[in-house]
Amino acid sequence: MGEKIAAFINGSKRTGKKLLAVLIDPDKANPEHLQNVLQPGNIAKIDLLFIGGSVLTSGNIHDAIKTVKSLCDIPCVIFPGSPDQISSEADAILLLSLISGRNPELLIGKHVESALRLKQSNLEILPTGYVLIDGGAPTTVSYISGTTPIPHNKPGLAAMTALAGEQLGLQIIYMDAGSGAKNPIPTAMIEAVRSNTNQPIVGGGGIRTTEGIHAAWNAGADVVVIGNRLEEDPDFLKKL
């Protein structure tokens, strides 16, 4: 099992290179949509592809990853919503621990359930502290996880949550306002986490403009994730 993705993210952080990730929902990843998102003019702007989501109904994560792999060579990282979303077709998986919540299933329970499958896979495992932030509207992840997001005006609480995750040995901090968020994560909150942790910060949810992407980067995010915006406007990346 290699460490290519972790090395890439950490190396970019050390050199100050900011990264852009696109989140693909397998339920919406029909070939036409993927071809629109991964057209040649966009591929050069994308550093990582996150594939997964809180709910998987009609979509097939294995087929979605295979289709993505046929269209580009961008690293594919699973963003799992459940143990069912494990596929050796991907390059790596974010092993998410929802440290902002108090649901034991998402702190350790699902990890125990997935442990043997992950050990037998060829996936690079990225231990990730998942911090859910209030984005101004109820989101799928807050509903499915049964947890309350950290209030958007409590940067100190987000910072201490991220610091605790780092002290537990988690290697990435993923701050997420959730799919369908009305507002992005406040820059003051990203700044507070950046000031108190050394691990790479991934930020996403509610980002709909190029200004929003740069604001998150400037506040300290090392990787910015966009998802719903590309479902609304596949040409959004061309505007970057």
Protein backbone atom coordinates (compact mmCIF):
# COMPACT_ATOMS: atom_id res chain seq x y z
CA MET A 1 0.00 0.00 0.00
CA GLY A 2 1.57 3.26 -1.10
CA GLU A 3 1.23 6.76 0.25
CA LYS A 4 1.08 8.71 -2.97
CA ILE A 5 -2.02 10.82 -2.19
CA ALA A 6 -0.93 11.70 1.35
CA ALA A 7 2.52 12.61 0.07
CA PHE A 8 1.00 14.76 -2.68
CA ILE A 9 -1.27 16.67 -0.29
CA ASN A 10 1.42 17.17 2.33
CA GLY A 11 4.02 18.11 -0.27
CA SER A 12 1.68 20.73 -1.73
CA LYS A 13 1.00 22.10 1.75
CA ARG A 14 4.73 22.45 2.44
CA THR A 15 5.32 24.36 -0.79
CA GLY A 16 2.19 26.50 -0.46
CA LYS A 17 0.54 25.06 -3.57
CA LYS A 18 -3.23 25.13 -3.20
CA LEU A 19 -5.28 22.21 -4.51
CA LEU A 20 -8.74 21.94 -6.05
CA ALA A 21 -10.87 18.82 -5.64
CA VAL A 22 -14.16 17.96 -7.31
CA LEU A 23 -16.72 15.86 -5.42
CA ILE A 24 -18.68 13.46 -7.59
CA ASP A 25 -21.89 11.91 -6.29
CA PRO A 26 -22.29 8.38 -7.75
CA ASP A 27 -26.07 8.85 -7.71
CA LYS A 28 -25.65 11.68 -10.21
CA ALA A 29 -22.57 10.44 -12.04
CA ASN A 30 -24.09 9.48 -15.37
CA PRO A 31 -21.57 9.31 -18.25
CA GLU A 32 -22.83 12.54 -19.82
CA HIS A 33 -22.36 14.50 -16.60
CA LEU A 34 -18.90 13.05 -16.04
CA GLN A 35 -17.85 13.87 -19.59
CA ASN A 36 -19.03 17.46 -19.09
CA VAL A 37 -17.15 17.84 -15.81
CA LEU A 38 -14.01 16.07 -17.02
CA GLN A 39 -13.70 17.70 -20.41
CA PRO A 40 -10.13 18.57 -21.45
CA GLY A 41 -10.47 22.25 -20.54
CA ASN A 42 -11.34 21.33 -16.96
CA ILE A 43 -9.00 18.45 -16.21
CA ALA A 44 -5.92 20.66 -15.96
CA LYS A 45 -7.55 22.62 -13.11
CA ILE A 46 -8.52 19.57 -11.00
CA ASP A 47 -5.98 18.03 -8.63
CA LEU A 48 -8.13 15.39 -6.91
CA LEU A 49 -11.47 13.69 -7.48
CA PHE A 50 -13.50 12.76 -4.41
CA ILE A 51 -16.19 10.16 -5.15
CA GLY A 52 -19.00 9.25 -2.76
CA GLY A 53 -21.72 10.79 -0.64
CA SER A 54 -24.04 10.49 2.34
CA VAL A 55 -26.61 8.45 0.41
CA LEU A 56 -26.12 5.90 -2.33
CA THR A 57 -29.35 4.80 -3.98
CA SER A 58 -29.33 4.21 -7.71
CA GLY A 59 -25.66 5.00 -8.24
CA ASN A 60 -22.83 2.48 -8.38
CA ILE A 61 -19.55 3.71 -6.96
CA HIS A 62 -17.52 1.00 -8.75
CA ASP A 63 -18.94 1.93 -12.16
CA ALA A 64 -18.57 5.66 -11.45
CA ILE A 65 -14.88 5.24 -10.62
CA LYS A 66 -14.31 3.06 -13.69
CA THR A 67 -15.90 5.71 -15.90
CA VAL A 68 -13.82 8.46 -14.31
CA LYS A 69 -10.65 6.39 -14.79
CA SER A 70 -11.50 5.98 -18.47
CA LEU A 71 -11.81 9.75 -18.88
CA CYS A 72 -8.77 11.02 -16.99
CA ASP A 73 -5.82 10.08 -14.80
CA ILE A 74 -6.68 12.38 -11.88
CA PRO A 75 -6.32 10.54 -8.54
CA CYS A 76 -9.66 9.18 -7.29
CA VAL A 77 -10.28 9.31 -3.55
CA ILE A 78 -13.39 7.75 -2.00
CA PHE A 79 -15.41 10.09 0.23
CA PRO A 80 -17.45 7.35 1.93
CA GLY A 81 -20.92 7.69 3.34
CA SER A 82 -21.04 4.05 4.44
CA PRO A 83 -18.92 0.86 4.44
CA ASP A 84 -20.65 -0.09 1.18
CA GLN A 85 -18.75 2.69 -0.55
CA ILE A 86 -15.43 0.85 -0.61
CA SER A 87 -13.99 0.06 -4.01
CA SER A 88 -10.54 -1.10 -5.01
CA GLU A 89 -11.07 0.76 -8.28
CA ALA A 90 -10.08 3.99 -6.46
CA ASP A 91 -6.61 5.13 -5.45
CA ALA A 92 -7.34 6.08 -1.84
CA ILE A 93 -10.08 6.50 0.72
CA LEU A 94 -10.74 9.21 3.28
CA LEU A 95 -11.27 7.19 6.47
CA LEU A 96 -13.67 9.69 7.98
CA SER A 97 -14.20 10.02 11.70
CA LEU A 98 -16.99 12.51 12.43
CA ILE A 99 -15.23 14.23 15.31
CA SER A 100 -17.66 17.16 15.44
CA GLY A 101 -20.51 14.81 16.35
CA ARG A 102 -21.18 12.37 19.15
CA ASN A 103 -22.52 9.48 17.10
CA PRO A 104 -20.36 6.48 18.11
CA GLU A 105 -21.11 4.67 14.85
CA LEU A 106 -19.37 7.44 12.91
CA LEU A 107 -16.55 7.86 15.39
CA ILE A 108 -15.50 4.17 15.43
CA GLY A 109 -18.41 1.80 14.77
CA LYS A 110 -18.41 1.90 10.97
CA HIS A 111 -14.61 1.75 10.99
CA VAL A 112 -14.68 -1.59 12.82
CA GLU A 113 -17.22 -2.83 10.29
CA SER A 114 -14.96 -1.76 7.41
CA ALA A 115 -11.55 -2.69 8.83
CA LEU A 116 -11.05 -6.09 7.22
CA ARG A 117 -12.33 -4.97 3.82
CA LEU A 118 -9.97 -2.02 3.90
CA LYS A 119 -7.02 -4.20 4.92
CA GLN A 120 -7.72 -6.53 1.99
CA SER A 121 -8.08 -3.68 -0.48
CA ASN A 122 -5.24 -1.90 -2.26
CA LEU A 123 -6.53 1.50 -1.16
CA GLU A 124 -4.29 4.11 0.40
CA ILE A 125 -6.00 4.91 3.71
CA LEU A 126 -6.14 8.57 4.77
CA PRO A 127 -7.27 8.91 8.43
CA THR A 128 -9.43 12.04 8.36
CA GLY A 129 -11.11 14.11 11.04
CA TYR A 130 -14.47 15.15 9.62
CA VAL A 131 -15.79 18.42 11.05
CA LEU A 132 -19.33 19.39 10.08
CA ILE A 133 -20.01 23.14 10.09
CA ASP A 134 -23.41 24.85 10.01
CA GLY A 135 -23.92 26.12 6.46
CA GLY A 136 -27.21 27.91 7.09
CA ALA A 137 -29.49 25.08 5.96
CA PRO A 138 -30.18 21.45 6.91
CA THR A 139 -27.96 19.12 4.88
CA THR A 140 -28.07 15.46 3.98
CA VAL A 141 -25.01 14.63 6.04
CA SER A 142 -26.39 16.19 9.23
CA TYR A 143 -29.66 14.30 8.79
CA ILE A 144 -28.08 10.94 7.92
CA SER A 145 -25.41 11.20 10.62
CA GLY A 146 -27.84 12.34 13.31
CA THR A 147 -25.39 14.99 14.46
CA THR A 148 -25.52 18.73 15.02
CA PRO A 149 -23.03 20.84 13.04
CA ILE A 150 -20.71 23.23 14.84
CA PRO A 151 -22.33 26.71 14.83
CA HIS A 152 -20.83 28.96 12.17
CA ASN A 153 -20.00 31.64 14.77
CA LYS A 154 -17.95 29.33 17.01
CA PRO A 155 -14.48 29.25 15.40
CA GLY A 156 -12.83 28.35 18.68
CA LEU A 157 -14.93 25.22 19.00
CA ALA A 158 -14.01 24.17 15.48
CA ALA A 159 -10.34 24.81 16.21
CA MET A 160 -10.32 22.72 19.40
CA THR A 161 -12.25 19.92 17.66
CA ALA A 162 -9.67 19.85 14.86
CA LEU A 163 -6.80 19.99 17.37
CA ALA A 164 -8.25 17.03 19.28
CA GLY A 165 -8.45 15.11 16.01
CA GLU A 166 -4.83 15.90 15.26
CA GLN A 167 -3.80 14.78 18.75
CA LEU A 168 -5.63 11.50 18.14
CA GLY A 169 -3.43 10.94 15.11
CA LEU A 170 -5.79 11.93 12.30
CA GLN A 171 -3.77 13.09 9.31
CA ILE A 172 -6.26 15.36 7.51
CA ILE A 173 -8.91 17.77 8.79
CA TYR A 174 -11.95 17.95 6.52
CA MET A 175 -14.20 20.95 7.27
CA ASP A 176 -17.55 20.59 5.53
CA ALA A 177 -20.66 22.73 5.41
CA GLY A 178 -22.37 19.81 3.68
CA SER A 179 -24.00 19.25 0.32
CA GLY A 180 -26.71 21.84 -0.24
CA ALA A 181 -25.25 24.29 2.26
CA LYS A 182 -26.58 27.81 1.92
CA ASN A 183 -23.34 29.43 3.06
CA PRO A 184 -19.68 28.40 2.86
CA ILE A 185 -17.57 27.88 5.95
CA PRO A 186 -16.66 31.31 7.41
CA THR A 187 -13.06 32.27 6.70
CA ALA A 188 -12.60 33.12 10.40
CA MET A 189 -13.33 29.50 11.24
CA ILE A 190 -10.82 28.18 8.70
CA GLU A 191 -8.25 30.65 10.03
CA ALA A 192 -8.83 29.47 13.60
CA VAL A 193 -8.33 25.84 12.63
CA ARG A 194 -5.24 26.72 10.60
CA SER A 195 -3.74 28.57 13.57
CA ASN A 196 -4.19 25.60 15.88
CA THR A 197 -3.41 22.56 13.73
CA ASN A 198 -0.56 21.45 11.49
CA GLN A 199 -2.40 18.89 9.38
CA PRO A 200 -3.67 19.66 5.87
CA ILE A 201 -7.12 21.26 5.82
CA VAL A 202 -9.76 20.30 3.29
CA GLY A 203 -12.74 22.66 3.02
CA GLY A 204 -15.99 22.36 1.13
CA GLY A 205 -19.73 22.93 1.05
CA GLY A 206 -21.58 26.02 -0.11
CA ILE A 207 -18.76 27.31 -2.34
CA ARG A 208 -20.28 28.61 -5.56
CA THR A 209 -17.89 31.28 -6.82
CA THR A 210 -14.25 31.63 -7.74
CA GLU A 211 -14.01 34.28 -5.03
CA GLY A 212 -15.25 31.72 -2.51
CA ILE A 213 -12.58 29.25 -3.57
CA HIS A 214 -9.81 31.82 -3.19
CA ALA A 215 -11.21 33.03 0.14
CA ALA A 216 -11.00 29.51 1.56
CA TRP A 217 -7.48 29.04 0.21
CA ASN A 218 -6.36 32.39 1.62
CA ALA A 219 -7.87 31.56 5.01
CA GLY A 220 -5.72 28.45 5.26
CA ALA A 221 -7.48 25.61 3.42
CA ASP A 222 -5.00 23.47 1.50
CA VAL A 223 -7.66 21.71 -0.58
CA VAL A 224 -10.97 23.26 -1.63
CA VAL A 225 -13.78 20.94 -2.70
CA ILE A 226 -16.60 21.88 -5.07
CA GLY A 227 -19.51 19.63 -5.94
CA ASN A 228 -23.05 20.95 -6.32
CA ARG A 229 -21.83 23.97 -8.24
CA LEU A 230 -20.65 21.74 -11.07
CA GLU A 231 -23.99 19.95 -11.15
CA GLU A 232 -25.63 23.33 -11.70
CA ASP A 233 -23.00 24.60 -14.14
CA PRO A 234 -20.53 22.09 -15.66
CA ASP A 235 -18.64 25.02 -17.24
CA PHE A 236 -17.89 26.59 -13.85
CA LEU A 237 -14.28 25.39 -13.88
CA LYS A 238 -13.63 27.28 -17.10
CA LYS A 239 -14.22 30.50 -15.18
CA LEU A 240 -11.42 29.82 -12.72
